[in-house]
Amino acid sequence: MRKWVCEVCSYVYDPEKGDPDNGIAPGTPFEALPATWRCPDCGATKDVFSPQE
């Protein structure tokens, strides 16, 4: 699964790790994150994330 990077703060969402502190289980692809999910570091919305090359 592809990792995604926040363009605001450079946080990397790794689907293999998920975001357990915010209720996102390991193995959750970025596309399956709820629309209300925010970057855990800066609070940015999903639309400012881009796929990591």
N, C-alpha and C. Protein backbone atom coordinates (compact mmCIF):
# COMPACT_ATOMS: atom_id res chain seq x y z
N MET A 1 0.83 -1.19 0.00
CA MET A 1 0.00 0.00 0.00
C MET A 1 0.88 1.25 0.00
N ARG A 2 0.41 2.25 -0.67
CA ARG A 2 1.14 3.50 -0.84
C ARG A 2 1.04 4.38 0.41
N LYS A 3 2.13 5.05 0.75
CA LYS A 3 2.15 6.02 1.84
C LYS A 3 1.74 7.38 1.28
N TRP A 4 1.19 8.22 2.14
CA TRP A 4 0.74 9.55 1.76
C TRP A 4 1.39 10.59 2.67
N VAL A 5 1.77 11.74 2.10
CA VAL A 5 2.49 12.78 2.84
C VAL A 5 1.64 14.05 2.94
N CYS A 6 1.60 14.61 4.15
CA CYS A 6 0.91 15.89 4.36
C CYS A 6 1.80 16.98 3.80
N GLU A 7 1.25 17.79 2.91
CA GLU A 7 2.02 18.86 2.29
C GLU A 7 2.22 20.05 3.22
N VAL A 8 1.52 20.07 4.34
CA VAL A 8 1.65 21.16 5.30
C VAL A 8 2.81 20.90 6.27
N CYS A 9 2.85 19.67 6.84
CA CYS A 9 3.84 19.41 7.90
C CYS A 9 4.74 18.22 7.63
N SER A 10 4.55 17.53 6.51
CA SER A 10 5.37 16.39 6.10
C SER A 10 5.09 15.10 6.88
N TYR A 11 3.98 15.06 7.64
CA TYR A 11 3.58 13.81 8.30
C TYR A 11 3.33 12.76 7.22
N VAL A 12 3.77 11.53 7.47
CA VAL A 12 3.56 10.45 6.52
C VAL A 12 2.52 9.48 7.08
N TYR A 13 1.40 9.32 6.34
CA TYR A 13 0.42 8.31 6.71
C TYR A 13 0.86 6.99 6.09
N ASP A 14 1.13 6.01 6.94
CA ASP A 14 1.55 4.68 6.51
C ASP A 14 0.38 3.73 6.74
N PRO A 15 -0.25 3.24 5.66
CA PRO A 15 -1.41 2.35 5.82
C PRO A 15 -1.10 1.10 6.64
N GLU A 16 0.12 0.63 6.60
CA GLU A 16 0.46 -0.57 7.37
C GLU A 16 0.39 -0.31 8.87
N LYS A 17 0.62 0.94 9.28
CA LYS A 17 0.56 1.30 10.70
C LYS A 17 -0.80 1.87 11.09
N GLY A 18 -1.50 2.49 10.12
CA GLY A 18 -2.76 3.15 10.42
C GLY A 18 -2.53 4.37 11.29
N ASP A 19 -3.53 4.74 12.05
CA ASP A 19 -3.45 5.86 12.99
C ASP A 19 -4.23 5.45 14.24
N PRO A 20 -3.68 4.48 14.99
CA PRO A 20 -4.42 3.92 16.12
C PRO A 20 -4.84 4.95 17.18
N ASP A 21 -4.06 6.02 17.34
CA ASP A 21 -4.42 7.04 18.32
C ASP A 21 -5.73 7.74 17.95
N ASN A 22 -6.09 7.67 16.67
CA ASN A 22 -7.32 8.31 16.20
C ASN A 22 -8.33 7.29 15.65
N GLY A 23 -8.20 6.04 16.08
CA GLY A 23 -9.19 5.02 15.74
C GLY A 23 -9.06 4.40 14.37
N ILE A 24 -7.91 4.59 13.71
CA ILE A 24 -7.70 4.02 12.38
C ILE A 24 -6.81 2.77 12.52
N ALA A 25 -7.37 1.63 12.18
CA ALA A 25 -6.67 0.35 12.37
C ALA A 25 -5.54 0.18 11.37
N PRO A 26 -4.49 -0.54 11.77
CA PRO A 26 -3.43 -0.90 10.82
C PRO A 26 -4.04 -1.63 9.62
N GLY A 27 -3.50 -1.36 8.44
CA GLY A 27 -4.01 -1.99 7.22
C GLY A 27 -5.08 -1.17 6.52
N THR A 28 -5.40 0.02 7.04
CA THR A 28 -6.42 0.88 6.43
C THR A 28 -5.79 1.74 5.34
N PRO A 29 -6.19 1.54 4.06
CA PRO A 29 -5.64 2.38 2.99
C PRO A 29 -6.09 3.83 3.15
N PHE A 30 -5.29 4.75 2.65
CA PHE A 30 -5.60 6.17 2.75
C PHE A 30 -6.98 6.47 2.17
N GLU A 31 -7.30 5.84 1.05
CA GLU A 31 -8.58 6.09 0.39
C GLU A 31 -9.78 5.69 1.26
N ALA A 32 -9.56 4.79 2.22
CA ALA A 32 -10.64 4.33 3.08
C ALA A 32 -10.78 5.16 4.37
N LEU A 33 -9.88 6.13 4.57
CA LEU A 33 -10.00 6.99 5.75
C LEU A 33 -11.28 7.80 5.65
N PRO A 34 -11.97 8.02 6.78
CA PRO A 34 -13.19 8.83 6.72
C PRO A 34 -12.89 10.27 6.30
N ALA A 35 -13.85 10.91 5.70
CA ALA A 35 -13.68 12.30 5.23
C ALA A 35 -13.35 13.24 6.39
N THR A 36 -13.71 12.86 7.60
CA THR A 36 -13.47 13.70 8.77
C THR A 36 -12.08 13.52 9.36
N TRP A 37 -11.31 12.55 8.83
CA TRP A 37 -9.96 12.31 9.36
C TRP A 37 -9.07 13.51 9.09
N ARG A 38 -8.23 13.85 10.05
CA ARG A 38 -7.30 14.97 9.92
C ARG A 38 -5.88 14.49 10.23
N CYS A 39 -4.91 15.20 9.70
CA CYS A 39 -3.51 14.91 9.99
C CYS A 39 -3.31 14.98 11.51
N PRO A 40 -2.76 13.93 12.10
CA PRO A 40 -2.59 13.94 13.56
C PRO A 40 -1.56 14.94 14.06
N ASP A 41 -0.69 15.43 13.19
CA ASP A 41 0.33 16.39 13.62
C ASP A 41 -0.13 17.84 13.50
N CYS A 42 -0.80 18.19 12.38
CA CYS A 42 -1.14 19.60 12.16
C CYS A 42 -2.63 19.87 11.97
N GLY A 43 -3.44 18.80 11.83
CA GLY A 43 -4.88 18.99 11.67
C GLY A 43 -5.34 19.25 10.25
N ALA A 44 -4.44 19.13 9.28
CA ALA A 44 -4.81 19.37 7.88
C ALA A 44 -5.80 18.30 7.39
N THR A 45 -6.60 18.67 6.40
CA THR A 45 -7.58 17.74 5.82
C THR A 45 -6.92 16.80 4.82
N LYS A 46 -7.64 15.75 4.45
CA LYS A 46 -7.10 14.74 3.54
C LYS A 46 -6.68 15.32 2.19
N ASP A 47 -7.32 16.40 1.75
CA ASP A 47 -7.05 16.93 0.41
C ASP A 47 -5.67 17.58 0.27
N VAL A 48 -4.95 17.78 1.38
CA VAL A 48 -3.60 18.33 1.28
C VAL A 48 -2.52 17.23 1.35
N PHE A 49 -2.96 15.98 1.30
CA PHE A 49 -2.02 14.87 1.27
C PHE A 49 -1.76 14.47 -0.18
N SER A 50 -0.55 14.02 -0.45
CA SER A 50 -0.23 13.54 -1.78
C SER A 50 0.51 12.21 -1.64
N PRO A 51 0.39 11.37 -2.67
CA PRO A 51 1.06 10.07 -2.61
C PRO A 51 2.57 10.23 -2.53
N GLN A 52 3.19 9.42 -1.72
CA GLN A 52 4.65 9.47 -1.59
C GLN A 52 5.26 8.74 -2.78
N GLU A 53 6.22 9.36 -3.39
CA GLU A 53 6.89 8.78 -4.55
C GLU A 53 7.82 7.67 -4.14
